[in-house]
Protein backbone atom coordinates (compact mmCIF):
# COMPACT_ATOMS: atom_id res chain seq x y z
CA GLU A 1 -5.42 9.41 -6.20
CA GLY A 2 -2.10 8.84 -4.47
CA ARG A 3 0.75 7.08 -6.21
CA VAL A 4 4.27 6.19 -5.07
CA THR A 5 6.86 5.43 -7.71
CA VAL A 6 10.38 4.33 -6.73
CA LEU A 7 12.95 4.93 -9.47
CA SER A 8 16.31 3.26 -9.95
CA TRP A 9 19.05 5.80 -9.37
CA ARG A 10 21.13 4.07 -12.07
CA THR A 11 18.57 3.85 -14.87
CA ASN A 12 15.88 6.32 -13.75
CA ARG A 13 13.33 3.60 -14.52
CA PRO A 14 10.55 2.59 -12.13
CA LEU A 15 11.38 -0.22 -9.73
CA MET A 16 7.91 -0.31 -8.19
CA GLU A 17 4.63 1.58 -7.97
CA ALA A 18 1.89 1.60 -5.35
CA ALA A 19 -1.42 3.39 -5.73
CA SER A 20 -4.47 4.20 -3.66
CA PRO A 21 -7.65 6.16 -4.36
CA SER A 22 -6.58 8.34 -1.41
CA PRO A 23 -3.73 10.89 -1.46
CA ILE A 24 -0.39 10.10 0.19
CA SER A 25 -0.07 11.86 3.52
CA ALA A 26 3.33 10.60 4.76
CA LEU A 27 6.21 8.36 3.72
CA THR A 28 9.60 7.31 5.01
CA PHE A 29 12.34 4.81 4.23
CA SER A 30 13.98 2.54 6.76
CA PRO A 31 17.54 3.61 7.66
CA ASP A 32 19.03 0.98 5.32
CA GLY A 33 16.68 1.94 2.45
CA ARG A 34 15.28 -1.59 2.11
CA LEU A 35 11.75 -0.80 3.33
CA LEU A 36 9.32 2.02 2.51
CA ALA A 37 6.43 2.96 4.80
CA VAL A 38 3.58 4.91 3.19
CA GLY A 39 0.67 6.59 4.96
CA TRP A 40 -2.48 7.43 3.01
CA GLY A 41 -5.23 9.98 3.58
CA ASP A 42 -7.75 7.16 4.07
CA GLY A 43 -5.87 6.02 7.20
CA THR A 44 -4.06 3.08 5.62
CA VAL A 45 -0.39 2.37 6.36
CA ARG A 46 1.56 0.01 4.11
CA LEU A 47 5.07 -1.30 4.51
CA LEU A 48 6.54 -1.96 1.06
CA ASP A 49 9.60 -3.59 -0.44
CA PRO A 50 10.66 -0.69 -2.71
CA VAL A 51 12.49 -2.93 -5.18
CA ARG A 52 9.94 -5.71 -5.71
CA GLY A 53 6.87 -3.64 -4.87
CA ASP A 54 5.54 -6.25 -2.44
CA VAL A 55 3.24 -5.10 0.35
CA LEU A 56 4.80 -6.66 3.46
CA TRP A 57 1.95 -5.58 5.73
CA ARG A 58 -0.96 -3.17 5.85
CA ARG A 59 -2.83 -1.54 8.74
CA ALA A 60 -6.01 0.56 8.82
CA GLU A 61 -5.74 3.42 11.31
CA GLY A 62 -9.27 4.80 10.88
CA ALA A 63 -8.19 8.41 10.19
CA PRO A 64 -5.64 10.11 7.90
CA VAL A 65 -2.01 9.33 8.70
CA THR A 66 -0.25 12.57 9.64
CA GLY A 67 3.30 11.32 10.17
CA LEU A 68 5.63 8.32 10.01
CA ALA A 69 9.00 7.76 11.68
CA VAL A 70 11.33 4.76 11.74
CA SER A 71 13.50 4.07 14.75
CA ALA A 72 17.25 4.55 14.23
CA GLU A 73 17.88 0.80 14.26
CA GLY A 74 15.00 0.21 11.80
CA ARG A 75 13.02 -2.14 14.02
CA ALA A 76 9.99 0.05 14.82
CA LEU A 77 7.62 2.27 12.84
CA ALA A 78 5.74 5.07 14.63
CA VAL A 79 2.49 6.14 12.98
CA SER A 80 0.89 9.46 13.88
CA VAL A 81 -2.87 9.80 13.39
CA GLY A 82 -4.20 13.09 14.75
CA HIS A 83 -2.93 13.33 18.33
CA ARG A 84 -2.37 9.58 18.65
CA VAL A 85 0.82 7.63 17.96
CA ARG A 86 0.91 3.89 17.38
CA VAL A 87 4.09 1.86 17.08
CA TYR A 88 4.51 -1.30 15.02
CA ARG A 89 7.37 -3.75 14.59
CA MET A 90 8.78 -3.13 11.12
CA MET A 91 9.09 -6.71 9.93
CA THR A 92 5.77 -8.07 11.21
CA GLY A 93 3.42 -5.14 11.69
CA ALA A 94 2.73 -6.37 15.24
CA PRO A 95 2.22 -3.71 17.93
CA GLY A 96 5.52 -2.50 19.38
CA ARG A 97 7.02 0.25 21.54
CA LEU A 98 9.37 3.20 21.18
CA GLY A 99 11.10 5.19 23.85
CA ARG A 100 9.22 8.19 25.25
CA ASP A 101 11.49 10.77 23.55
CA ALA A 102 11.00 9.33 20.05
CA THR A 103 7.22 9.13 20.44
CA ALA A 104 7.05 12.70 21.76
CA ALA A 105 9.15 13.98 18.85
CA LEU A 106 6.82 12.39 16.27
CA ALA A 107 3.63 13.73 17.90
CA ALA A 108 4.95 17.25 18.57
CA PRO A 109 3.63 20.04 16.31
CA GLU A 110 7.14 21.57 16.12
CA PRO A 111 10.37 19.58 15.55
CA THR A 112 11.82 18.32 18.80
CA PRO A 113 15.40 16.99 19.02
CA LEU A 114 15.74 13.37 20.12
CA ARG A 115 17.97 12.72 23.12
C-alpha cells in the first residue's frame, strides 16, 4: 500500500492523507507548494490540494509512473511512464505541452540540465 501524509510544519500534525493499494512511485510539489502531484505504481496520477486533501484530478496512465516534473511557472505537469512522457495542464488535467528541453530532461536516464 502507498500512503502520502502531508504534515504541518508548525504543529507536525497531518494536514491530509492519500492512500492507494499500489506503492507510490513519484511525487512532486508545484513551485508555490499549493499542489502535490503523486504517481502510483498502478499507473495512476493524482493532483492533490495538500492542505484540504482534495483530489483535483486523476489520470490513469496504464503503467507505473516513473517520474513527475512541474514546469517552473507551475502550469504544466510532465508524467513519465516507461519511455513515454505525457504533459497535462496543472489546474485542469487537460493535455498540454512543455518545451523540448524540459521533456528531454524528465525522460533522460541521467540528470540533464535544463537550458
